[in-house]
N, C-alpha and C. Protein backbone atom coordinates (compact mmCIF):
# COMPACT_ATOMS: atom_id res chain seq x y z
N MET A 1 8.79 -11.48 21.22
CA MET A 1 8.48 -10.08 20.96
C MET A 1 9.67 -9.32 20.42
N PHE A 2 10.86 -9.53 21.04
CA PHE A 2 12.02 -8.75 20.67
C PHE A 2 12.65 -9.19 19.36
N SER A 3 12.15 -10.29 18.77
CA SER A 3 12.64 -10.66 17.43
C SER A 3 12.05 -9.75 16.36
N ASN A 4 10.97 -9.04 16.71
CA ASN A 4 10.38 -8.05 15.80
C ASN A 4 11.05 -6.71 16.07
N LYS A 5 11.37 -5.97 15.00
CA LYS A 5 12.17 -4.77 15.17
C LYS A 5 11.58 -3.58 14.42
N ILE A 6 11.75 -2.40 15.02
CA ILE A 6 11.37 -1.13 14.42
C ILE A 6 12.63 -0.28 14.33
N TYR A 7 12.89 0.28 13.14
CA TYR A 7 14.07 1.11 12.95
C TYR A 7 13.69 2.46 12.35
N LYS A 8 14.47 3.46 12.73
CA LYS A 8 14.43 4.74 12.04
C LYS A 8 15.80 4.99 11.41
N ILE A 9 15.77 5.53 10.19
CA ILE A 9 17.01 5.80 9.47
C ILE A 9 17.08 7.29 9.19
N ASP A 10 18.14 7.94 9.65
CA ASP A 10 18.24 9.39 9.48
C ASP A 10 18.77 9.77 8.10
N LYS A 11 18.90 11.07 7.86
CA LYS A 11 19.29 11.56 6.54
C LYS A 11 20.69 11.11 6.14
N ASN A 12 21.50 10.73 7.11
CA ASN A 12 22.86 10.27 6.83
C ASN A 12 22.94 8.75 6.70
N GLY A 13 21.79 8.10 6.75
CA GLY A 13 21.76 6.65 6.62
C GLY A 13 22.03 5.89 7.91
N LYS A 14 22.13 6.62 9.03
CA LYS A 14 22.36 5.96 10.30
C LYS A 14 21.08 5.31 10.80
N LYS A 15 21.17 4.07 11.20
CA LYS A 15 20.02 3.27 11.58
C LYS A 15 19.99 3.10 13.10
N ARG A 16 18.84 3.38 13.70
CA ARG A 16 18.72 3.17 15.14
C ARG A 16 17.40 2.46 15.44
N ARG A 17 17.43 1.65 16.46
CA ARG A 17 16.24 0.90 16.83
C ARG A 17 15.36 1.72 17.76
N VAL A 18 14.05 1.67 17.53
CA VAL A 18 13.08 2.29 18.42
C VAL A 18 12.06 1.23 18.82
N PHE A 19 11.22 1.55 19.80
CA PHE A 19 10.31 0.54 20.32
C PHE A 19 8.85 0.93 20.22
N TRP A 20 8.58 2.09 19.67
CA TRP A 20 7.20 2.50 19.42
C TRP A 20 7.22 3.66 18.43
N VAL A 21 6.07 3.90 17.81
CA VAL A 21 5.91 5.01 16.86
C VAL A 21 4.66 5.77 17.26
N ARG A 22 4.80 7.04 17.51
CA ARG A 22 3.67 7.85 17.97
C ARG A 22 2.51 7.79 16.98
N GLY A 23 1.31 7.54 17.47
CA GLY A 23 0.11 7.54 16.65
C GLY A 23 -0.14 6.28 15.85
N LEU A 24 0.79 5.31 15.95
CA LEU A 24 0.67 4.06 15.19
C LEU A 24 0.59 2.88 16.15
N ASN A 25 -0.54 2.19 16.15
CA ASN A 25 -0.73 1.00 16.97
C ASN A 25 -0.17 -0.20 16.21
N ILE A 26 0.97 -0.70 16.65
CA ILE A 26 1.65 -1.80 15.97
C ILE A 26 1.33 -3.11 16.68
N LYS A 27 0.82 -4.08 15.90
CA LYS A 27 0.47 -5.39 16.46
C LYS A 27 1.30 -6.46 15.75
N PHE A 28 2.19 -7.09 16.50
CA PHE A 28 2.99 -8.18 15.95
C PHE A 28 2.31 -9.51 16.23
N HIS A 29 2.12 -10.31 15.18
CA HIS A 29 1.46 -11.61 15.32
C HIS A 29 2.41 -12.77 15.02
N GLY A 30 3.68 -12.48 14.97
CA GLY A 30 4.66 -13.51 14.68
C GLY A 30 6.04 -13.04 15.09
N LYS A 31 7.05 -13.47 14.36
CA LYS A 31 8.42 -13.12 14.71
C LYS A 31 9.18 -12.64 13.47
N ASN A 32 10.28 -11.94 13.75
CA ASN A 32 11.21 -11.48 12.72
C ASN A 32 10.60 -10.49 11.73
N ALA A 33 9.56 -9.79 12.15
CA ALA A 33 9.03 -8.71 11.31
C ALA A 33 9.93 -7.48 11.48
N GLU A 34 9.91 -6.63 10.46
CA GLU A 34 10.77 -5.44 10.47
C GLU A 34 10.02 -4.25 9.92
N ILE A 35 10.01 -3.17 10.67
CA ILE A 35 9.40 -1.91 10.24
C ILE A 35 10.50 -0.87 10.14
N ILE A 36 10.59 -0.21 9.00
CA ILE A 36 11.67 0.76 8.77
C ILE A 36 11.05 2.09 8.37
N LEU A 37 11.42 3.14 9.09
CA LEU A 37 10.93 4.48 8.79
C LEU A 37 12.12 5.40 8.50
N TYR A 38 12.08 6.04 7.33
CA TYR A 38 13.13 6.98 6.97
C TYR A 38 12.74 8.38 7.42
N GLU A 39 13.69 9.10 8.02
CA GLU A 39 13.43 10.45 8.48
C GLU A 39 13.62 11.46 7.35
N PRO A 40 12.82 12.55 7.33
CA PRO A 40 11.74 12.85 8.27
C PRO A 40 10.58 11.85 8.10
N CYS A 41 10.09 11.36 9.22
CA CYS A 41 9.15 10.24 9.21
C CYS A 41 7.71 10.70 8.98
N VAL A 42 6.94 9.78 8.41
CA VAL A 42 5.48 9.94 8.37
C VAL A 42 4.99 10.21 9.79
N ARG A 43 3.99 11.10 9.88
CA ARG A 43 3.36 11.36 11.18
C ARG A 43 2.01 10.64 11.20
N PHE A 44 1.84 9.78 12.18
CA PHE A 44 0.64 8.95 12.27
C PHE A 44 -0.33 9.50 13.31
N ARG A 45 -1.61 9.23 13.04
CA ARG A 45 -2.64 9.53 14.02
C ARG A 45 -3.74 8.48 13.91
N ASN A 46 -4.01 7.80 15.02
CA ASN A 46 -5.09 6.80 15.08
C ASN A 46 -4.97 5.76 13.97
N SER A 47 -3.76 5.31 13.70
CA SER A 47 -3.51 4.34 12.63
C SER A 47 -3.03 3.01 13.22
N THR A 48 -3.20 1.94 12.42
CA THR A 48 -2.86 0.60 12.90
C THR A 48 -2.03 -0.14 11.85
N LEU A 49 -1.04 -0.87 12.32
CA LEU A 49 -0.20 -1.72 11.47
C LEU A 49 -0.09 -3.09 12.12
N GLU A 50 -0.45 -4.14 11.36
CA GLU A 50 -0.32 -5.51 11.84
C GLU A 50 0.72 -6.25 11.01
N CYS A 51 1.56 -7.03 11.68
CA CYS A 51 2.65 -7.75 11.00
C CYS A 51 2.67 -9.21 11.40
N THR A 52 3.02 -10.06 10.45
CA THR A 52 3.21 -11.48 10.72
C THR A 52 4.68 -11.86 10.57
N ASP A 53 4.97 -13.15 10.52
CA ASP A 53 6.35 -13.64 10.45
C ASP A 53 7.09 -13.10 9.24
N ASN A 54 8.28 -12.55 9.49
CA ASN A 54 9.21 -12.13 8.42
C ASN A 54 8.65 -11.06 7.50
N ALA A 55 7.60 -10.39 7.92
CA ALA A 55 7.05 -9.30 7.10
C ALA A 55 7.95 -8.08 7.24
N LYS A 56 7.98 -7.29 6.17
CA LYS A 56 8.75 -6.04 6.19
C LYS A 56 7.87 -4.91 5.69
N VAL A 57 7.89 -3.79 6.40
CA VAL A 57 7.15 -2.60 6.00
C VAL A 57 8.13 -1.43 5.99
N ILE A 58 8.21 -0.74 4.85
CA ILE A 58 9.15 0.36 4.68
C ILE A 58 8.38 1.63 4.39
N PHE A 59 8.61 2.66 5.19
CA PHE A 59 8.04 3.98 4.95
C PHE A 59 9.18 4.91 4.55
N LYS A 60 9.18 5.37 3.30
CA LYS A 60 10.19 6.33 2.89
C LYS A 60 9.91 7.69 3.54
N SER A 61 10.88 8.58 3.48
CA SER A 61 10.75 9.87 4.15
C SER A 61 9.53 10.63 3.63
N SER A 62 8.90 11.38 4.53
CA SER A 62 7.64 12.01 4.17
C SER A 62 7.35 13.21 5.07
N LYS A 63 6.65 14.18 4.51
CA LYS A 63 6.19 15.34 5.28
C LYS A 63 4.68 15.26 5.52
N THR A 64 4.10 14.11 5.24
CA THR A 64 2.65 13.98 5.30
C THR A 64 2.19 13.30 6.58
N LYS A 65 0.86 13.30 6.78
CA LYS A 65 0.24 12.65 7.92
C LYS A 65 -0.64 11.49 7.46
N PHE A 66 -0.60 10.41 8.21
CA PHE A 66 -1.49 9.28 7.98
C PHE A 66 -2.53 9.28 9.11
N ARG A 67 -3.79 9.54 8.78
CA ARG A 67 -4.85 9.58 9.78
C ARG A 67 -5.81 8.41 9.55
N LYS A 68 -6.02 7.61 10.57
CA LYS A 68 -6.96 6.49 10.53
C LYS A 68 -6.66 5.57 9.35
N ILE A 69 -5.41 5.21 9.20
CA ILE A 69 -4.97 4.30 8.14
C ILE A 69 -4.76 2.92 8.75
N TYR A 70 -5.18 1.88 8.01
CA TYR A 70 -4.96 0.50 8.46
C TYR A 70 -4.06 -0.20 7.44
N ILE A 71 -2.96 -0.77 7.94
CA ILE A 71 -2.02 -1.49 7.09
C ILE A 71 -1.88 -2.91 7.62
N SER A 72 -2.14 -3.88 6.76
CA SER A 72 -2.01 -5.29 7.13
C SER A 72 -0.82 -5.89 6.39
N ALA A 73 0.24 -6.16 7.14
CA ALA A 73 1.41 -6.85 6.58
C ALA A 73 1.37 -8.29 7.06
N MET A 74 0.31 -8.99 6.69
CA MET A 74 0.06 -10.34 7.19
C MET A 74 0.39 -11.41 6.15
N SER A 75 1.21 -11.05 5.16
CA SER A 75 1.76 -12.03 4.23
C SER A 75 3.14 -12.43 4.73
N LYS A 76 3.30 -13.70 5.11
CA LYS A 76 4.61 -14.16 5.58
C LYS A 76 5.65 -13.94 4.49
N ASN A 77 6.78 -13.38 4.88
CA ASN A 77 7.89 -13.08 3.97
C ASN A 77 7.55 -12.00 2.94
N GLY A 78 6.44 -11.32 3.14
CA GLY A 78 6.02 -10.28 2.20
C GLY A 78 6.55 -8.91 2.60
N THR A 79 6.49 -7.98 1.63
CA THR A 79 6.99 -6.62 1.85
C THR A 79 5.96 -5.60 1.40
N ILE A 80 5.78 -4.56 2.20
CA ILE A 80 5.04 -3.36 1.79
C ILE A 80 6.04 -2.22 1.77
N GLU A 81 6.16 -1.55 0.65
CA GLU A 81 7.05 -0.40 0.53
C GLU A 81 6.23 0.82 0.13
N ILE A 82 6.25 1.84 0.97
CA ILE A 82 5.49 3.06 0.73
C ILE A 82 6.47 4.18 0.42
N GLY A 83 6.32 4.80 -0.75
CA GLY A 83 7.28 5.78 -1.23
C GLY A 83 7.22 7.12 -0.51
N HIS A 84 8.10 8.01 -0.92
CA HIS A 84 8.18 9.33 -0.33
C HIS A 84 6.85 10.08 -0.49
N ASN A 85 6.41 10.68 0.60
CA ASN A 85 5.30 11.65 0.57
C ASN A 85 3.97 11.10 0.06
N LEU A 86 3.69 9.84 0.35
CA LEU A 86 2.33 9.36 0.09
C LEU A 86 1.35 10.19 0.92
N LEU A 87 0.27 10.66 0.27
CA LEU A 87 -0.74 11.46 0.96
C LEU A 87 -2.06 10.70 0.95
N PRO A 88 -2.34 9.90 1.99
CA PRO A 88 -3.60 9.18 2.04
C PRO A 88 -4.64 9.94 2.87
N ASN A 89 -5.88 9.93 2.42
CA ASN A 89 -6.95 10.50 3.22
C ASN A 89 -7.38 9.47 4.27
N THR A 90 -8.40 9.77 5.04
CA THR A 90 -8.79 8.90 6.14
C THR A 90 -9.37 7.57 5.66
N ASN A 91 -9.21 6.55 6.50
CA ASN A 91 -9.81 5.23 6.31
C ASN A 91 -9.29 4.47 5.10
N CYS A 92 -8.08 4.80 4.65
CA CYS A 92 -7.47 3.98 3.59
C CYS A 92 -6.95 2.68 4.20
N ARG A 93 -6.95 1.62 3.37
CA ARG A 93 -6.54 0.29 3.83
C ARG A 93 -5.55 -0.29 2.82
N ILE A 94 -4.37 -0.65 3.31
CA ILE A 94 -3.35 -1.30 2.49
C ILE A 94 -3.19 -2.71 3.04
N LEU A 95 -3.61 -3.70 2.24
CA LEU A 95 -3.80 -5.06 2.74
C LEU A 95 -2.91 -6.04 1.98
N ASN A 96 -1.89 -6.53 2.66
CA ASN A 96 -1.00 -7.54 2.10
C ASN A 96 -1.08 -8.74 3.03
N TYR A 97 -2.04 -9.67 2.75
CA TYR A 97 -2.33 -10.63 3.79
C TYR A 97 -2.63 -12.04 3.30
N ARG A 98 -2.53 -12.95 4.30
CA ARG A 98 -2.90 -14.36 4.21
C ARG A 98 -1.90 -15.20 3.42
N GLU A 99 -1.75 -14.94 2.13
CA GLU A 99 -0.83 -15.76 1.34
C GLU A 99 0.61 -15.30 1.54
N GLU A 100 1.55 -16.21 1.34
CA GLU A 100 2.96 -15.90 1.57
C GLU A 100 3.58 -15.20 0.37
N ASN A 101 4.65 -14.45 0.65
CA ASN A 101 5.54 -13.88 -0.37
C ASN A 101 4.86 -12.86 -1.28
N LEU A 102 3.86 -12.16 -0.76
CA LEU A 102 3.21 -11.11 -1.55
C LEU A 102 3.84 -9.76 -1.24
N ASN A 103 3.81 -8.87 -2.24
CA ASN A 103 4.45 -7.57 -2.09
C ASN A 103 3.56 -6.46 -2.63
N ILE A 104 3.58 -5.33 -1.95
CA ILE A 104 2.91 -4.12 -2.42
C ILE A 104 3.94 -3.00 -2.44
N LYS A 105 4.05 -2.34 -3.57
CA LYS A 105 4.98 -1.22 -3.69
C LYS A 105 4.22 0.00 -4.20
N ILE A 106 4.30 1.09 -3.43
CA ILE A 106 3.64 2.35 -3.79
C ILE A 106 4.74 3.38 -4.01
N GLY A 107 4.71 4.07 -5.15
CA GLY A 107 5.77 4.99 -5.52
C GLY A 107 5.73 6.31 -4.76
N ASP A 108 6.54 7.24 -5.22
CA ASP A 108 6.68 8.54 -4.57
C ASP A 108 5.55 9.49 -4.98
N ASN A 109 5.20 10.38 -4.05
CA ASN A 109 4.27 11.50 -4.32
C ASN A 109 2.90 11.04 -4.83
N CYS A 110 2.44 9.92 -4.31
CA CYS A 110 1.11 9.44 -4.65
C CYS A 110 0.07 10.01 -3.69
N MET A 111 -1.20 9.94 -4.09
CA MET A 111 -2.28 10.45 -3.26
C MET A 111 -3.45 9.48 -3.30
N MET A 112 -4.12 9.32 -2.15
CA MET A 112 -5.29 8.45 -2.05
C MET A 112 -6.43 9.22 -1.41
N GLY A 113 -7.61 9.14 -2.02
CA GLY A 113 -8.80 9.72 -1.43
C GLY A 113 -9.29 8.87 -0.27
N PRO A 114 -10.36 9.31 0.41
CA PRO A 114 -10.90 8.53 1.52
C PRO A 114 -11.35 7.14 1.08
N ASN A 115 -11.16 6.17 1.96
CA ASN A 115 -11.70 4.81 1.80
C ASN A 115 -11.09 4.02 0.64
N VAL A 116 -9.92 4.40 0.20
CA VAL A 116 -9.23 3.62 -0.83
C VAL A 116 -8.75 2.30 -0.24
N ILE A 117 -8.86 1.22 -1.03
CA ILE A 117 -8.36 -0.10 -0.63
C ILE A 117 -7.34 -0.58 -1.65
N VAL A 118 -6.20 -1.03 -1.15
CA VAL A 118 -5.18 -1.67 -1.98
C VAL A 118 -4.97 -3.06 -1.39
N GLN A 119 -5.31 -4.13 -2.16
CA GLN A 119 -5.23 -5.48 -1.58
C GLN A 119 -4.64 -6.48 -2.56
N SER A 120 -3.64 -7.21 -2.07
CA SER A 120 -2.90 -8.14 -2.92
C SER A 120 -3.47 -9.55 -2.92
N SER A 121 -4.54 -9.76 -2.16
CA SER A 121 -5.13 -11.10 -2.05
C SER A 121 -6.62 -10.98 -1.77
N ASP A 122 -7.37 -12.02 -2.17
CA ASP A 122 -8.80 -12.07 -1.84
C ASP A 122 -9.03 -12.55 -0.41
N ALA A 123 -7.98 -13.04 0.23
CA ALA A 123 -8.00 -13.52 1.63
C ALA A 123 -8.62 -14.91 1.77
N HIS A 124 -9.66 -15.22 1.01
CA HIS A 124 -10.30 -16.53 1.07
C HIS A 124 -10.14 -17.24 -0.26
N PRO A 125 -9.72 -18.52 -0.26
CA PRO A 125 -9.49 -19.22 -1.52
C PRO A 125 -10.77 -19.66 -2.21
N ILE A 126 -10.72 -19.66 -3.53
CA ILE A 126 -11.78 -20.22 -4.37
C ILE A 126 -11.19 -21.44 -5.09
N PHE A 127 -11.88 -22.59 -5.00
CA PHE A 127 -11.38 -23.83 -5.58
C PHE A 127 -12.24 -24.29 -6.75
N GLU A 128 -11.58 -24.95 -7.72
CA GLU A 128 -12.33 -25.75 -8.67
C GLU A 128 -12.82 -27.00 -7.94
N ILE A 129 -14.06 -27.36 -8.12
CA ILE A 129 -14.65 -28.48 -7.37
C ILE A 129 -13.95 -29.80 -7.67
N ASP A 130 -13.69 -30.06 -8.96
CA ASP A 130 -13.13 -31.36 -9.33
C ASP A 130 -11.66 -31.49 -8.96
N THR A 131 -10.87 -30.46 -9.26
CA THR A 131 -9.42 -30.56 -9.10
C THR A 131 -8.91 -30.01 -7.77
N LYS A 132 -9.73 -29.26 -7.07
CA LYS A 132 -9.35 -28.58 -5.83
C LYS A 132 -8.28 -27.51 -6.06
N LYS A 133 -8.07 -27.16 -7.32
CA LYS A 133 -7.08 -26.14 -7.65
C LYS A 133 -7.58 -24.75 -7.24
N ILE A 134 -6.70 -23.99 -6.59
CA ILE A 134 -7.05 -22.62 -6.21
C ILE A 134 -7.00 -21.73 -7.46
N ILE A 135 -8.04 -20.97 -7.70
CA ILE A 135 -8.13 -20.17 -8.92
C ILE A 135 -8.07 -18.67 -8.65
N ASN A 136 -7.82 -18.29 -7.41
CA ASN A 136 -7.77 -16.85 -7.12
C ASN A 136 -6.55 -16.49 -6.27
N LYS A 137 -5.41 -17.01 -6.66
CA LYS A 137 -4.19 -16.72 -5.90
C LYS A 137 -3.86 -15.23 -5.91
N GLY A 138 -3.25 -14.78 -4.83
CA GLY A 138 -2.84 -13.39 -4.73
C GLY A 138 -1.68 -13.09 -5.66
N ALA A 139 -1.38 -11.80 -5.82
CA ALA A 139 -0.28 -11.38 -6.68
C ALA A 139 0.17 -9.98 -6.27
N ASP A 140 1.42 -9.66 -6.59
CA ASP A 140 2.01 -8.39 -6.20
C ASP A 140 1.29 -7.20 -6.85
N ILE A 141 1.32 -6.07 -6.16
CA ILE A 141 0.78 -4.81 -6.67
C ILE A 141 1.93 -3.82 -6.79
N GLU A 142 1.95 -3.07 -7.89
CA GLU A 142 2.97 -2.05 -8.07
C GLU A 142 2.32 -0.76 -8.58
N ILE A 143 2.41 0.28 -7.78
CA ILE A 143 1.86 1.59 -8.12
C ILE A 143 3.03 2.54 -8.31
N ALA A 144 3.14 3.12 -9.49
CA ALA A 144 4.29 3.96 -9.82
C ALA A 144 4.17 5.33 -9.16
N ASP A 145 5.14 6.20 -9.45
CA ASP A 145 5.17 7.54 -8.86
C ASP A 145 4.00 8.40 -9.35
N ASN A 146 3.60 9.34 -8.49
CA ASN A 146 2.66 10.40 -8.86
C ASN A 146 1.31 9.86 -9.35
N VAL A 147 0.81 8.85 -8.68
CA VAL A 147 -0.50 8.27 -9.01
C VAL A 147 -1.53 8.80 -8.00
N TRP A 148 -2.69 9.20 -8.52
CA TRP A 148 -3.80 9.67 -7.68
C TRP A 148 -4.91 8.62 -7.75
N ILE A 149 -5.23 8.03 -6.60
CA ILE A 149 -6.30 7.06 -6.50
C ILE A 149 -7.45 7.74 -5.76
N ALA A 150 -8.55 7.95 -6.43
CA ALA A 150 -9.62 8.79 -5.89
C ALA A 150 -10.53 8.02 -4.92
N THR A 151 -11.45 8.75 -4.32
CA THR A 151 -12.31 8.26 -3.25
C THR A 151 -12.98 6.92 -3.56
N ASN A 152 -12.92 6.00 -2.61
CA ASN A 152 -13.61 4.70 -2.67
C ASN A 152 -13.11 3.77 -3.77
N ALA A 153 -11.98 4.07 -4.37
CA ALA A 153 -11.43 3.17 -5.39
C ALA A 153 -10.74 1.98 -4.74
N THR A 154 -10.69 0.86 -5.48
CA THR A 154 -10.04 -0.36 -5.01
C THR A 154 -9.02 -0.82 -6.04
N ILE A 155 -7.81 -1.12 -5.56
CA ILE A 155 -6.75 -1.67 -6.41
C ILE A 155 -6.60 -3.14 -6.04
N MET A 156 -6.86 -4.01 -7.01
CA MET A 156 -6.90 -5.45 -6.75
C MET A 156 -5.54 -6.11 -6.96
N LYS A 157 -5.47 -7.36 -6.57
CA LYS A 157 -4.24 -8.15 -6.66
C LYS A 157 -3.67 -8.16 -8.07
N GLY A 158 -2.33 -8.12 -8.15
CA GLY A 158 -1.64 -8.27 -9.42
C GLY A 158 -1.62 -7.06 -10.31
N VAL A 159 -2.19 -5.94 -9.87
CA VAL A 159 -2.33 -4.77 -10.74
C VAL A 159 -1.07 -3.91 -10.71
N LYS A 160 -0.71 -3.40 -11.90
CA LYS A 160 0.33 -2.39 -12.03
C LYS A 160 -0.31 -1.10 -12.55
N ILE A 161 0.06 0.01 -11.95
CA ILE A 161 -0.45 1.31 -12.38
C ILE A 161 0.73 2.18 -12.78
N ALA A 162 0.66 2.75 -13.97
CA ALA A 162 1.78 3.51 -14.54
C ALA A 162 1.90 4.89 -13.91
N LYS A 163 3.05 5.47 -14.10
CA LYS A 163 3.39 6.79 -13.56
C LYS A 163 2.39 7.86 -14.02
N GLY A 164 1.97 8.69 -13.07
CA GLY A 164 1.14 9.85 -13.39
C GLY A 164 -0.31 9.56 -13.64
N CYS A 165 -0.77 8.35 -13.39
CA CYS A 165 -2.17 8.00 -13.68
C CYS A 165 -3.12 8.48 -12.59
N ILE A 166 -4.39 8.58 -12.98
CA ILE A 166 -5.48 8.87 -12.06
C ILE A 166 -6.47 7.72 -12.14
N ILE A 167 -6.82 7.16 -10.97
CA ILE A 167 -7.85 6.12 -10.89
C ILE A 167 -9.09 6.79 -10.32
N GLY A 168 -10.19 6.79 -11.08
CA GLY A 168 -11.38 7.55 -10.73
C GLY A 168 -12.08 7.05 -9.49
N ALA A 169 -12.91 7.93 -8.92
CA ALA A 169 -13.68 7.59 -7.72
C ALA A 169 -14.58 6.39 -7.96
N ASN A 170 -14.68 5.53 -6.96
CA ASN A 170 -15.54 4.33 -6.98
C ASN A 170 -15.12 3.30 -8.02
N SER A 171 -13.93 3.42 -8.56
CA SER A 171 -13.46 2.48 -9.58
C SER A 171 -12.85 1.24 -8.95
N ILE A 172 -12.81 0.16 -9.73
CA ILE A 172 -12.10 -1.05 -9.33
C ILE A 172 -11.06 -1.36 -10.39
N ALA A 173 -9.79 -1.28 -10.00
CA ALA A 173 -8.70 -1.61 -10.92
C ALA A 173 -8.35 -3.07 -10.72
N SER A 174 -8.86 -3.92 -11.61
CA SER A 174 -8.61 -5.36 -11.53
C SER A 174 -7.62 -5.82 -12.59
N LYS A 175 -7.25 -4.91 -13.50
CA LYS A 175 -6.25 -5.19 -14.54
C LYS A 175 -5.27 -4.03 -14.59
N ASP A 176 -4.14 -4.26 -15.21
CA ASP A 176 -3.10 -3.24 -15.29
C ASP A 176 -3.59 -1.96 -15.96
N CYS A 177 -3.07 -0.83 -15.47
CA CYS A 177 -3.31 0.49 -16.06
C CYS A 177 -1.94 1.01 -16.47
N LEU A 178 -1.52 0.74 -17.68
CA LEU A 178 -0.11 0.85 -18.06
C LEU A 178 0.23 2.07 -18.92
N GLN A 179 -0.76 2.86 -19.30
CA GLN A 179 -0.46 4.05 -20.10
C GLN A 179 -0.22 5.23 -19.16
N GLU A 180 0.99 5.77 -19.19
CA GLU A 180 1.34 6.84 -18.27
C GLU A 180 0.49 8.08 -18.49
N ASN A 181 0.33 8.85 -17.41
CA ASN A 181 -0.36 10.14 -17.47
C ASN A 181 -1.74 10.01 -18.11
N SER A 182 -2.51 9.08 -17.59
CA SER A 182 -3.83 8.80 -18.14
C SER A 182 -4.85 8.64 -17.02
N ILE A 183 -6.13 8.78 -17.39
CA ILE A 183 -7.22 8.60 -16.45
C ILE A 183 -7.89 7.26 -16.74
N TYR A 184 -8.03 6.45 -15.69
CA TYR A 184 -8.75 5.19 -15.78
C TYR A 184 -9.91 5.25 -14.80
N THR A 185 -11.07 4.83 -15.23
CA THR A 185 -12.21 4.84 -14.32
C THR A 185 -13.21 3.76 -14.70
N GLY A 186 -14.08 3.42 -13.75
CA GLY A 186 -15.12 2.43 -14.02
C GLY A 186 -14.90 1.15 -13.24
N THR A 187 -15.85 0.22 -13.43
CA THR A 187 -15.81 -1.08 -12.76
C THR A 187 -16.04 -2.17 -13.79
N PRO A 188 -14.99 -2.79 -14.33
CA PRO A 188 -13.58 -2.54 -14.00
C PRO A 188 -13.05 -1.29 -14.71
N CYS A 189 -11.87 -0.84 -14.29
CA CYS A 189 -11.27 0.38 -14.85
C CYS A 189 -11.02 0.26 -16.35
N LYS A 190 -11.29 1.35 -17.05
CA LYS A 190 -10.96 1.45 -18.47
C LYS A 190 -10.30 2.80 -18.72
N LEU A 191 -9.44 2.83 -19.71
CA LEU A 191 -8.79 4.08 -20.10
C LEU A 191 -9.83 5.02 -20.71
N ILE A 192 -9.93 6.24 -20.17
CA ILE A 192 -10.88 7.20 -20.74
C ILE A 192 -10.22 8.45 -21.29
N LYS A 193 -8.99 8.74 -20.83
CA LYS A 193 -8.29 9.93 -21.35
C LYS A 193 -6.80 9.78 -21.09
N SER A 194 -6.00 10.17 -22.09
CA SER A 194 -4.55 10.11 -21.95
C SER A 194 -3.95 11.50 -22.10
N ASN A 195 -2.64 11.59 -21.94
CA ASN A 195 -1.89 12.84 -22.11
C ASN A 195 -2.42 13.93 -21.17
N CYS A 196 -2.53 13.58 -19.88
CA CYS A 196 -2.97 14.55 -18.88
C CYS A 196 -2.15 14.36 -17.59
N THR A 197 -2.19 15.37 -16.76
CA THR A 197 -1.46 15.28 -15.49
C THR A 197 -2.31 15.92 -14.40
N TRP A 198 -1.81 15.92 -13.17
CA TRP A 198 -2.55 16.45 -12.04
C TRP A 198 -1.58 17.07 -11.04
N THR A 199 -2.12 17.78 -10.08
CA THR A 199 -1.31 18.43 -9.07
C THR A 199 -1.94 18.25 -7.69
N HIS A 200 -1.12 18.31 -6.65
CA HIS A 200 -1.61 18.26 -5.28
C HIS A 200 -2.30 19.57 -4.87
N GLU A 201 -2.07 20.60 -5.63
CA GLU A 201 -2.63 21.91 -5.27
C GLU A 201 -4.15 21.90 -5.41
N PHE A 202 -4.84 22.72 -4.58
CA PHE A 202 -6.27 22.89 -4.69
C PHE A 202 -6.61 23.91 -5.77
N PHE A 203 -7.88 23.87 -6.24
CA PHE A 203 -8.35 24.87 -7.21
C PHE A 203 -8.29 26.25 -6.59
């Protein structure tokens, strides 16, 4: 148990070990996992984080709240890095699991609507019958700064999303969305409008 560690890092870079995080149910399923929270820390409520061997989860400093969020860091030797001020709505799921050495990186000032899923693996392998070759291996996900992922959208394995993009509600991003400041929507996502931006402010 004690080979798994939780740290908080203050504004001066001083690192101290803690043994629990308010509002976050942490479940360790292996050893040498590391959770790092930069102050001011994300405030959790009714959220869950699961970790396996050598997994690392990094929460950059934030003034936001995570309510009913599920994070699976079940990729051995994998890393999840969540940037400054991610604003997720309820029931979002960040899934880095099953296969080894997978990584998810979410940039600064991003926003997620309710029920968004970000997953770096299909969790179950698909084989070619003759060769037994796995044809659906997982892959890293990289979401740049200031990305808005709308309600019920899913970000699939291997996808990169460019800075300032919007992923429309109910969309599935199964391929890269690489044009900055653009709207992608549909199943699968397609570029529908470029040269636009968004704000956290309400109408």
